[in-house]
Amino acid sequence: MPAGATTTTRYAAFLRGINVGGKNKIAMSELRALAEALGYSDVRTYINSGNLLFSAEGSDLELAGQIERAITEQFGKSIDVAVRTEARLRDILLGNPYPDQNASQVTVAFLTRPAPATAPERVAALATDGEPVTFSGLEVWVNYTNGMADSKLAAQFSKAVGVSATVRNVRTVGKVVALFD
């Protein structure tokens, strides 16, 4: 690489709790414009729940902070953001501990920072036999075999894990990764 040249990395940002139940509404066109104003390139979104793909320079944490601050400044909303590189997302999908299960019922919680040491115990206390849980670094996998609608774990996940987390099912994460191709 020539001296002074920089490289950009492809990322996905997962925004927590936007456009759910009429709360925290942010149009995807406005989210794309915000990312472009931050200087990100190759900007696109996937569905209306806050999945932002882009290329940029910086670390996951730096970029998450930039996006969070920009959302607060532009929309007046405090939205937690988890950012992962394309390579990390591909590794996450390859590491799925429940690969033979229904991809719409297997979820990945993207943590915004490491969970406290007591998190697995607190999460296990809420999980039923039909909800196996696997902690893996900044991600937590849950197989909601019986669905999420009536799950105590799903309803209290972020509180139980002790840090902010945004959850996507494996089908959605797979579609986000496919958009990088």
C-alpha atoms as a PDB file:
ATOM      1  CA  MET A   1       0.000   0.000   0.000  1.00  0.00           C
ATOM      2  CA  PRO A   2       1.377   3.431  -0.877  1.00  0.00           C
ATOM      3  CA  ALA A   3       2.577   5.658   1.967  1.00  0.00           C
ATOM      4  CA  GLY A   4      -0.254   7.694   3.432  1.00  0.00           C
ATOM      5  CA  ALA A   5      -2.942   5.421   1.981  1.00  0.00           C
ATOM      6  CA  THR A   6      -5.685   4.258   4.284  1.00  0.00           C
ATOM      7  CA  THR A   7      -7.932   1.270   4.132  1.00  0.00           C
ATOM      8  CA  THR A   8     -11.571   1.039   4.981  1.00  0.00           C
ATOM      9  CA  THR A   9     -13.321  -1.908   6.493  1.00  0.00           C
ATOM     10  CA  ARG A  10     -16.864  -3.072   5.864  1.00  0.00           C
ATOM     11  CA  TYR A  11     -19.129  -2.985   8.900  1.00  0.00           C
ATOM     12  CA  ALA A  12     -22.676  -3.600  10.008  1.00  0.00           C
ATOM     13  CA  ALA A  13     -24.234  -1.542  12.767  1.00  0.00           C
ATOM     14  CA  PHE A  14     -27.224  -2.951  14.624  1.00  0.00           C
ATOM     15  CA  LEU A  15     -29.373  -0.292  16.257  1.00  0.00           C
ATOM     16  CA  ARG A  16     -31.310  -1.300  19.359  1.00  0.00           C
ATOM     17  CA  GLY A  17     -35.041  -0.788  19.558  1.00  0.00           C
ATOM     18  CA  ILE A  18     -35.800   1.453  16.610  1.00  0.00           C
ATOM     19  CA  ASN A  19     -39.072   1.333  14.685  1.00  0.00           C
ATOM     20  CA  VAL A  20     -40.510  -1.217  17.128  1.00  0.00           C
ATOM     21  CA  GLY A  21     -44.074  -0.744  18.288  1.00  0.00           C
ATOM     22  CA  GLY A  22     -44.161   2.827  16.985  1.00  0.00           C
ATOM     23  CA  LYS A  23     -41.246   3.898  19.196  1.00  0.00           C
ATOM     24  CA  ASN A  24     -37.916   5.436  18.273  1.00  0.00           C
ATOM     25  CA  LYS A  25     -38.916   5.969  14.669  1.00  0.00           C
ATOM     26  CA  ILE A  26     -36.038   6.596  12.301  1.00  0.00           C
ATOM     27  CA  ALA A  27     -36.548   6.308   8.560  1.00  0.00           C
ATOM     28  CA  MET A  28     -33.924   4.158   6.882  1.00  0.00           C
ATOM     29  CA  SER A  29     -33.348   6.892   4.298  1.00  0.00           C
ATOM     30  CA  GLU A  30     -32.496   9.274   7.156  1.00  0.00           C
ATOM     31  CA  LEU A  31     -30.208   6.674   8.743  1.00  0.00           C
ATOM     32  CA  ARG A  32     -28.365   6.242   5.436  1.00  0.00           C
ATOM     33  CA  ALA A  33     -28.016  10.029   5.087  1.00  0.00           C
ATOM     34  CA  LEU A  34     -26.664  10.238   8.641  1.00  0.00           C
ATOM     35  CA  ALA A  35     -24.031   7.573   7.879  1.00  0.00           C
ATOM     36  CA  GLU A  36     -23.012   9.351   4.680  1.00  0.00           C
ATOM     37  CA  ALA A  37     -22.718  12.650   6.592  1.00  0.00           C
ATOM     38  CA  LEU A  38     -20.317  10.869   8.961  1.00  0.00           C
ATOM     39  CA  GLY A  39     -18.138  10.125   5.925  1.00  0.00           C
ATOM     40  CA  TYR A  40     -19.006   6.440   5.606  1.00  0.00           C
ATOM     41  CA  SER A  41     -19.164   4.934   2.128  1.00  0.00           C
ATOM     42  CA  ASP A  42     -21.046   2.020   0.529  1.00  0.00           C
ATOM     43  CA  VAL A  43     -23.960   2.828   2.841  1.00  0.00           C
ATOM     44  CA  ARG A  44     -27.097   0.704   2.761  1.00  0.00           C
ATOM     45  CA  THR A  45     -29.739  -0.551   5.142  1.00  0.00           C
ATOM     46  CA  TYR A  46     -31.576  -3.827   5.484  1.00  0.00           C
ATOM     47  CA  ILE A  47     -35.225  -3.843   6.552  1.00  0.00           C
ATOM     48  CA  ASN A  48     -36.693  -1.230   8.856  1.00  0.00           C
ATOM     49  CA  SER A  49     -35.253  -2.426  12.173  1.00  0.00           C
ATOM     50  CA  GLY A  50     -31.928  -0.612  12.111  1.00  0.00           C
ATOM     51  CA  ASN A  51     -29.413  -2.732  10.227  1.00  0.00           C
ATOM     52  CA  LEU A  52     -26.867  -0.375   8.675  1.00  0.00           C
ATOM     53  CA  LEU A  53     -24.047  -1.528   6.393  1.00  0.00           C
ATOM     54  CA  PHE A  54     -21.146   0.735   5.494  1.00  0.00           C
ATOM     55  CA  SER A  55     -17.413   1.062   4.889  1.00  0.00           C
ATOM     56  CA  ALA A  56     -15.306   3.241   7.163  1.00  0.00           C
ATOM     57  CA  GLU A  57     -12.084   3.613   9.086  1.00  0.00           C
ATOM     58  CA  GLY A  58     -12.043   3.079  12.835  1.00  0.00           C
ATOM     59  CA  SER A  59     -12.732   0.461  15.463  1.00  0.00           C
ATOM     60  CA  ASP A  60     -16.087  -1.110  16.250  1.00  0.00           C
ATOM     61  CA  LEU A  61     -16.376   0.936  19.448  1.00  0.00           C
ATOM     62  CA  GLU A  62     -15.331   4.217  17.831  1.00  0.00           C
ATOM     63  CA  LEU A  63     -17.852   3.806  15.029  1.00  0.00           C
ATOM     64  CA  ALA A  64     -20.651   2.774  17.406  1.00  0.00           C
ATOM     65  CA  GLY A  65     -19.955   5.908  19.455  1.00  0.00           C
ATOM     66  CA  GLN A  66     -20.004   8.109  16.346  1.00  0.00           C
ATOM     67  CA  ILE A  67     -23.343   6.691  15.235  1.00  0.00           C
ATOM     68  CA  GLU A  68     -24.873   6.955  18.727  1.00  0.00           C
ATOM     69  CA  ARG A  69     -23.784  10.607  19.085  1.00  0.00           C
ATOM     70  CA  ALA A  70     -25.026  11.495  15.601  1.00  0.00           C
ATOM     71  CA  ILE A  71     -28.439   9.896  16.274  1.00  0.00           C
ATOM     72  CA  THR A  72     -28.732  11.833  19.529  1.00  0.00           C
ATOM     73  CA  GLU A  73     -27.763  15.086  17.806  1.00  0.00           C
ATOM     74  CA  GLN A  74     -29.947  14.625  14.734  1.00  0.00           C
ATOM     75  CA  PHE A  75     -32.986  12.785  16.109  1.00  0.00           C
ATOM     76  CA  GLY A  76     -32.860  13.535  19.839  1.00  0.00           C
ATOM     77  CA  LYS A  77     -32.935   9.820  20.654  1.00  0.00           C
ATOM     78  CA  SER A  78     -30.553   7.774  22.769  1.00  0.00           C
ATOM     79  CA  ILE A  79     -30.066   4.576  20.759  1.00  0.00           C
ATOM     80  CA  ASP A  80     -27.503   1.922  21.616  1.00  0.00           C
ATOM     81  CA  VAL A  81     -25.516   0.639  18.639  1.00  0.00           C
ATOM     82  CA  ALA A  82     -23.451  -2.523  18.248  1.00  0.00           C
ATOM     83  CA  VAL A  83     -20.977  -2.571  15.348  1.00  0.00           C
ATOM     84  CA  ARG A  84     -19.255  -5.645  13.897  1.00  0.00           C
ATOM     85  CA  THR A  85     -16.919  -6.041  10.930  1.00  0.00           C
ATOM     86  CA  GLU A  86     -17.979  -8.088   7.942  1.00  0.00           C
ATOM     87  CA  ALA A  87     -15.296 -10.656   8.802  1.00  0.00           C
ATOM     88  CA  ARG A  88     -16.535 -10.925  12.396  1.00  0.00           C
ATOM     89  CA  LEU A  89     -20.135 -11.409  11.231  1.00  0.00           C
ATOM     90  CA  ARG A  90     -19.048 -14.208   8.911  1.00  0.00           C
ATOM     91  CA  ASP A  91     -17.211 -15.858  11.827  1.00  0.00           C
ATOM     92  CA  ILE A  92     -20.277 -15.418  14.031  1.00  0.00           C
ATOM     93  CA  LEU A  93     -22.457 -17.243  11.519  1.00  0.00           C
ATOM     94  CA  LEU A  94     -19.898 -20.033  11.163  1.00  0.00           C
ATOM     95  CA  GLY A  95     -19.820 -20.381  14.950  1.00  0.00           C
ATOM     96  CA  ASN A  96     -23.587 -20.841  15.306  1.00  0.00           C
ATOM     97  CA  PRO A  97     -23.941 -23.403  18.120  1.00  0.00           C
ATOM     98  CA  TYR A  98     -27.438 -24.332  16.860  1.00  0.00           C
ATOM     99  CA  PRO A  99     -26.903 -24.738  13.085  1.00  0.00           C
ATOM    100  CA  ASP A 100     -29.609 -27.369  12.614  1.00  0.00           C
ATOM    101  CA  GLN A 101     -32.331 -25.312  14.307  1.00  0.00           C
ATOM    102  CA  ASN A 102     -34.880 -22.907  12.821  1.00  0.00           C
ATOM    103  CA  ALA A 103     -32.928 -19.796  11.726  1.00  0.00           C
ATOM    104  CA  SER A 104     -35.819 -17.524  12.694  1.00  0.00           C
ATOM    105  CA  GLN A 105     -35.803 -18.867  16.272  1.00  0.00           C
ATOM    106  CA  VAL A 106     -32.048 -18.853  16.837  1.00  0.00           C
ATOM    107  CA  THR A 107     -30.927 -15.370  17.855  1.00  0.00           C
ATOM    108  CA  VAL A 108     -27.651 -13.569  18.293  1.00  0.00           C
ATOM    109  CA  ALA A 109     -27.524 -10.802  20.871  1.00  0.00           C
ATOM    110  CA  PHE A 110     -24.843  -8.282  19.969  1.00  0.00           C
ATOM    111  CA  LEU A 111     -23.536  -6.858  23.239  1.00  0.00           C
ATOM    112  CA  THR A 112     -22.249  -3.289  23.326  1.00  0.00           C
ATOM    113  CA  ARG A 113     -19.571  -4.239  25.870  1.00  0.00           C
ATOM    114  CA  PRO A 114     -18.508  -7.375  27.758  1.00  0.00           C
ATOM    115  CA  ALA A 115     -21.127  -8.883  30.038  1.00  0.00           C
ATOM    116  CA  PRO A 116     -20.414  -9.138  33.766  1.00  0.00           C
ATOM    117  CA  ALA A 117     -19.194 -12.510  35.046  1.00  0.00           C
ATOM    118  CA  THR A 118     -22.592 -13.109  36.669  1.00  0.00           C
ATOM    119  CA  ALA A 119     -24.511 -12.749  33.376  1.00  0.00           C
ATOM    120  CA  PRO A 120     -24.599 -16.448  32.409  1.00  0.00           C
ATOM    121  CA  GLU A 121     -26.090 -17.349  35.789  1.00  0.00           C
ATOM    122  CA  ARG A 122     -28.740 -14.582  35.581  1.00  0.00           C
ATOM    123  CA  VAL A 123     -29.652 -15.527  32.007  1.00  0.00           C
ATOM    124  CA  ALA A 124     -29.837 -19.237  32.869  1.00  0.00           C
ATOM    125  CA  ALA A 125     -32.250 -18.438  35.713  1.00  0.00           C
ATOM    126  CA  LEU A 126     -34.746 -17.030  33.185  1.00  0.00           C
ATOM    127  CA  ALA A 127     -34.202 -19.572  30.398  1.00  0.00           C
ATOM    128  CA  THR A 128     -36.443 -22.605  30.096  1.00  0.00           C
ATOM    129  CA  ASP A 129     -35.354 -26.063  28.966  1.00  0.00           C
ATOM    130  CA  GLY A 130     -36.423 -25.046  25.450  1.00  0.00           C
ATOM    131  CA  GLU A 131     -34.097 -22.033  25.470  1.00  0.00           C
ATOM    132  CA  PRO A 132     -30.462 -23.123  25.376  1.00  0.00           C
ATOM    133  CA  VAL A 133     -28.033 -20.208  25.705  1.00  0.00           C
ATOM    134  CA  THR A 134     -24.403 -19.918  24.591  1.00  0.00           C
ATOM    135  CA  PHE A 135     -22.144 -17.003  25.555  1.00  0.00           C
ATOM    136  CA  SER A 136     -19.388 -16.293  23.023  1.00  0.00           C
ATOM    137  CA  GLY A 137     -17.430 -13.098  23.649  1.00  0.00           C
ATOM    138  CA  LEU A 138     -19.551 -10.083  22.745  1.00  0.00           C
ATOM    139  CA  GLU A 139     -22.344 -12.274  21.391  1.00  0.00           C
ATOM    140  CA  VAL A 140     -24.916 -14.403  23.140  1.00  0.00           C
ATOM    141  CA  TRP A 141     -26.802 -17.079  21.249  1.00  0.00           C
ATOM    142  CA  VAL A 142     -30.282 -18.199  22.293  1.00  0.00           C
ATOM    143  CA  ASN A 143     -32.311 -20.905  20.599  1.00  0.00           C
ATOM    144  CA  TYR A 144     -35.923 -19.958  21.297  1.00  0.00           C
ATOM    145  CA  THR A 145     -37.275 -23.391  20.397  1.00  0.00           C
ATOM    146  CA  ASN A 146     -40.805 -22.432  21.479  1.00  0.00           C
ATOM    147  CA  GLY A 147     -40.637 -18.903  20.078  1.00  0.00           C
ATOM    148  CA  MET A 148     -39.970 -15.559  21.719  1.00  0.00           C
ATOM    149  CA  ALA A 149     -43.494 -14.237  22.219  1.00  0.00           C
ATOM    150  CA  ASP A 150     -44.063 -15.755  25.671  1.00  0.00           C
ATOM    151  CA  SER A 151     -40.432 -16.057  26.738  1.00  0.00           C
ATOM    152  CA  LYS A 152     -39.427 -14.498  30.062  1.00  0.00           C
ATOM    153  CA  LEU A 153     -35.830 -14.591  28.856  1.00  0.00           C
ATOM    154  CA  ALA A 154     -36.636 -12.647  25.671  1.00  0.00           C
ATOM    155  CA  ALA A 155     -38.623 -10.059  27.640  1.00  0.00           C
ATOM    156  CA  GLN A 156     -35.825  -9.470  30.172  1.00  0.00           C
ATOM    157  CA  PHE A 157     -32.720 -10.351  28.179  1.00  0.00           C
ATOM    158  CA  SER A 158     -30.801  -7.042  28.353  1.00  0.00           C
ATOM    159  CA  LYS A 159     -31.540  -6.672  32.055  1.00  0.00           C
ATOM    160  CA  ALA A 160     -30.436 -10.254  32.723  1.00  0.00           C
ATOM    161  CA  VAL A 161     -27.245  -9.993  30.669  1.00  0.00           C
ATOM    162  CA  GLY A 162     -26.390  -6.720  32.396  1.00  0.00           C
ATOM    163  CA  VAL A 163     -25.359  -4.699  29.347  1.00  0.00           C
ATOM    164  CA  SER A 164     -27.152  -3.232  26.373  1.00  0.00           C
ATOM    165  CA  ALA A 165     -27.737  -5.782  23.638  1.00  0.00           C
ATOM    166  CA  THR A 166     -29.528  -5.752  20.337  1.00  0.00           C
ATOM    167  CA  VAL A 167     -30.909  -9.046  19.096  1.00  0.00           C
ATOM    168  CA  ARG A 168     -31.254 -10.369  15.553  1.00  0.00           C
ATOM    169  CA  ASN A 169     -32.265 -13.824  14.405  1.00  0.00           C
ATOM    170  CA  VAL A 170     -29.800 -15.856  12.380  1.00  0.00           C
ATOM    171  CA  ARG A 171     -31.865 -15.422   9.222  1.00  0.00           C
ATOM    172  CA  THR A 172     -31.498 -11.632   9.461  1.00  0.00           C
ATOM    173  CA  VAL A 173     -27.761 -11.798  10.226  1.00  0.00           C
ATOM    174  CA  GLY A 174     -27.322 -14.101   7.228  1.00  0.00           C
ATOM    175  CA  LYS A 175     -29.140 -11.657   4.963  1.00  0.00           C
ATOM    176  CA  VAL A 176     -27.032  -8.761   6.248  1.00  0.00           C
ATOM    177  CA  VAL A 177     -23.844 -10.736   5.516  1.00  0.00           C
ATOM    178  CA  ALA A 178     -25.144 -11.637   2.039  1.00  0.00           C
ATOM    179  CA  LEU A 179     -25.493  -7.914   1.276  1.00  0.00           C
ATOM    180  CA  PHE A 180     -21.705  -7.577   1.566  1.00  0.00           C
ATOM    181  CA  ASP A 181     -21.285  -9.886  -1.456  1.00  0.00           C
END
